[in-house]
Structure formats: structure tokens, C-alpha cells
């Protein structure tokens, strides 16, 4: 993740990062590093960037009342389920 700062846009600030489990479309759990900045959400698999979602493309975030699961809904793209 050393190169992460090179991926940041000007004025982009790190808000948080954490290890997380992403559920793929085949219902398989995948270990990921979830990074939130003021401009985007980043999804890393080990040290590889898998996806970057601009904040402006996020149409909603739904958080479960019964667990730590949440879903990120993305305009014109597929959604993300995290546990």
C-alpha cells in the first residue's frame, strides 16, 4: 500500500482505511482493504487496486440494523456488499 499516496488526486484526503470482507456476485467472501477519502472509495486486494468509486457516483449506502454489513450503491455500475 506504499504507492497509495501516488493514487490520490490533488486535495484528496484519507478519512479511514480498514480490512474488510467483500461479497462478490457469486456470493464468495473476498478479503479487501477498504479506503475512504473525501473524493473516492478504493478497494484493494492485497496491494492491487481493484476499483475506485468517485463519491459523486455513489447513489446510496445501506447499513444493516442487524449486522455490520453495508451495501454501496453506484450509479450505472454494479454495487458492493461488504461485511
C-alpha atoms as a PDB file:
ATOM      1  CA  UNK A   1       0.000   0.000   0.000  1.00  0.00           C
ATOM      2  CA  UNK A   2       3.043   2.273  -0.123  1.00  0.00           C
ATOM      3  CA  UNK A   3       2.033   3.571  -3.513  1.00  0.00           C
ATOM      4  CA  UNK A   4      -1.445   4.604  -2.323  1.00  0.00           C
ATOM      5  CA  UNK A   5      -0.462   8.245  -1.851  1.00  0.00           C
ATOM      6  CA  UNK A   6       0.540   8.360  -5.525  1.00  0.00           C
ATOM      7  CA  UNK A   7      -3.063   7.486  -6.447  1.00  0.00           C
ATOM      8  CA  UNK A   8      -4.536  10.435  -4.581  1.00  0.00           C
ATOM      9  CA  UNK A   9      -5.819  13.402  -6.532  1.00  0.00           C
ATOM     10  CA  UNK A  10      -4.889  16.958  -5.519  1.00  0.00           C
ATOM     11  CA  UNK A  11      -6.776  17.988  -2.376  1.00  0.00           C
ATOM     12  CA  UNK A  12      -7.787  14.354  -1.693  1.00  0.00           C
ATOM     13  CA  UNK A  13      -7.551  13.434   1.983  1.00  0.00           C
ATOM     14  CA  UNK A  14      -7.564   9.997   3.620  1.00  0.00           C
ATOM     15  CA  UNK A  15     -10.514   9.590   6.001  1.00  0.00           C
ATOM     16  CA  UNK A  16     -10.129   5.925   7.007  1.00  0.00           C
ATOM     17  CA  UNK A  17      -8.905   2.540   5.882  1.00  0.00           C
ATOM     18  CA  UNK A  18      -9.678  -0.934   7.178  1.00  0.00           C
ATOM     19  CA  UNK A  19      -9.550  -4.623   6.388  1.00  0.00           C
ATOM     20  CA  UNK A  20     -12.966  -5.784   5.261  1.00  0.00           C
ATOM     21  CA  UNK A  21     -14.745  -8.682   3.583  1.00  0.00           C
ATOM     22  CA  UNK A  22     -16.428  -8.048   0.214  1.00  0.00           C
ATOM     23  CA  UNK A  23     -19.067 -10.439  -1.075  1.00  0.00           C
ATOM     24  CA  UNK A  24     -18.802 -10.929  -4.847  1.00  0.00           C
ATOM     25  CA  UNK A  25     -21.621 -11.694  -7.293  1.00  0.00           C
ATOM     26  CA  UNK A  26     -21.074 -15.444  -6.792  1.00  0.00           C
ATOM     27  CA  UNK A  27     -21.593 -14.994  -3.017  1.00  0.00           C
ATOM     28  CA  UNK A  28     -17.909 -15.669  -2.282  1.00  0.00           C
ATOM     29  CA  UNK A  29     -16.177 -13.749   0.504  1.00  0.00           C
ATOM     30  CA  UNK A  30     -13.034 -11.847  -0.522  1.00  0.00           C
ATOM     31  CA  UNK A  31     -10.564 -10.108   1.784  1.00  0.00           C
ATOM     32  CA  UNK A  32     -10.107  -6.468   0.825  1.00  0.00           C
ATOM     33  CA  UNK A  33      -8.658  -3.227   2.125  1.00  0.00           C
ATOM     34  CA  UNK A  34     -11.364  -0.549   2.105  1.00  0.00           C
ATOM     35  CA  UNK A  35     -10.059   3.027   1.837  1.00  0.00           C
ATOM     36  CA  UNK A  36     -12.289   6.079   2.137  1.00  0.00           C
ATOM     37  CA  UNK A  37     -11.160   9.556   1.116  1.00  0.00           C
ATOM     38  CA  UNK A  38     -13.070  12.792   0.732  1.00  0.00           C
ATOM     39  CA  UNK A  39     -13.314  12.102  -3.025  1.00  0.00           C
ATOM     40  CA  UNK A  40     -13.492   8.313  -3.515  1.00  0.00           C
ATOM     41  CA  UNK A  41     -13.778   4.799  -2.143  1.00  0.00           C
ATOM     42  CA  UNK A  42     -10.880   2.496  -3.029  1.00  0.00           C
ATOM     43  CA  UNK A  43     -10.980  -1.305  -2.984  1.00  0.00           C
ATOM     44  CA  UNK A  44      -7.604  -3.059  -2.751  1.00  0.00           C
ATOM     45  CA  UNK A  45      -6.865  -6.766  -2.987  1.00  0.00           C
ATOM     46  CA  UNK A  46      -3.560  -7.146  -1.190  1.00  0.00           C
ATOM     47  CA  UNK A  47      -1.635  -4.244  -2.772  1.00  0.00           C
ATOM     48  CA  UNK A  48      -3.540  -4.140  -6.077  1.00  0.00           C
ATOM     49  CA  UNK A  49      -6.174  -1.502  -6.715  1.00  0.00           C
ATOM     50  CA  UNK A  50      -9.310  -3.370  -7.791  1.00  0.00           C
ATOM     51  CA  UNK A  51     -11.769  -0.485  -8.026  1.00  0.00           C
ATOM     52  CA  UNK A  52     -12.075   3.227  -7.406  1.00  0.00           C
ATOM     53  CA  UNK A  53     -15.527   4.762  -6.986  1.00  0.00           C
ATOM     54  CA  UNK A  54     -15.860   8.533  -7.129  1.00  0.00           C
ATOM     55  CA  UNK A  55     -18.055   9.880  -4.314  1.00  0.00           C
ATOM     56  CA  UNK A  56     -20.281  11.609  -6.886  1.00  0.00           C
ATOM     57  CA  UNK A  57     -21.214   8.218  -8.400  1.00  0.00           C
ATOM     58  CA  UNK A  58     -22.450   6.814  -5.090  1.00  0.00           C
ATOM     59  CA  UNK A  59     -26.256   6.878  -5.076  1.00  0.00           C
ATOM     60  CA  UNK A  60     -26.674   5.417  -1.613  1.00  0.00           C
ATOM     61  CA  UNK A  61     -25.248   3.409   1.250  1.00  0.00           C
ATOM     62  CA  UNK A  62     -27.453   0.975   3.124  1.00  0.00           C
ATOM     63  CA  UNK A  63     -26.334  -0.231   6.538  1.00  0.00           C
ATOM     64  CA  UNK A  64     -27.884  -3.310   8.159  1.00  0.00           C
ATOM     65  CA  UNK A  65     -29.544  -2.799  11.535  1.00  0.00           C
ATOM     66  CA  UNK A  66     -28.747  -6.411  12.473  1.00  0.00           C
ATOM     67  CA  UNK A  67     -25.074  -6.799  11.493  1.00  0.00           C
ATOM     68  CA  UNK A  68     -22.021  -4.873  10.280  1.00  0.00           C
ATOM     69  CA  UNK A  69     -22.993  -5.435   6.637  1.00  0.00           C
ATOM     70  CA  UNK A  70     -23.412  -2.488   4.308  1.00  0.00           C
ATOM     71  CA  UNK A  71     -24.026  -2.008   0.607  1.00  0.00           C
ATOM     72  CA  UNK A  72     -22.649   0.794  -1.548  1.00  0.00           C
ATOM     73  CA  UNK A  73     -24.937   1.588  -4.488  1.00  0.00           C
ATOM     74  CA  UNK A  74     -23.126   3.018  -7.514  1.00  0.00           C
ATOM     75  CA  UNK A  75     -24.728   4.890 -10.407  1.00  0.00           C
ATOM     76  CA  UNK A  76     -24.539   2.961 -13.720  1.00  0.00           C
ATOM     77  CA  UNK A  77     -22.205   0.332 -12.200  1.00  0.00           C
ATOM     78  CA  UNK A  78     -22.517  -2.740 -10.024  1.00  0.00           C
ATOM     79  CA  UNK A  79     -22.985  -2.354  -6.251  1.00  0.00           C
ATOM     80  CA  UNK A  80     -20.712  -3.533  -3.438  1.00  0.00           C
ATOM     81  CA  UNK A  81     -21.703  -5.656  -0.443  1.00  0.00           C
ATOM     82  CA  UNK A  82     -19.301  -5.514   2.499  1.00  0.00           C
ATOM     83  CA  UNK A  83     -19.418  -7.495   5.745  1.00  0.00           C
END
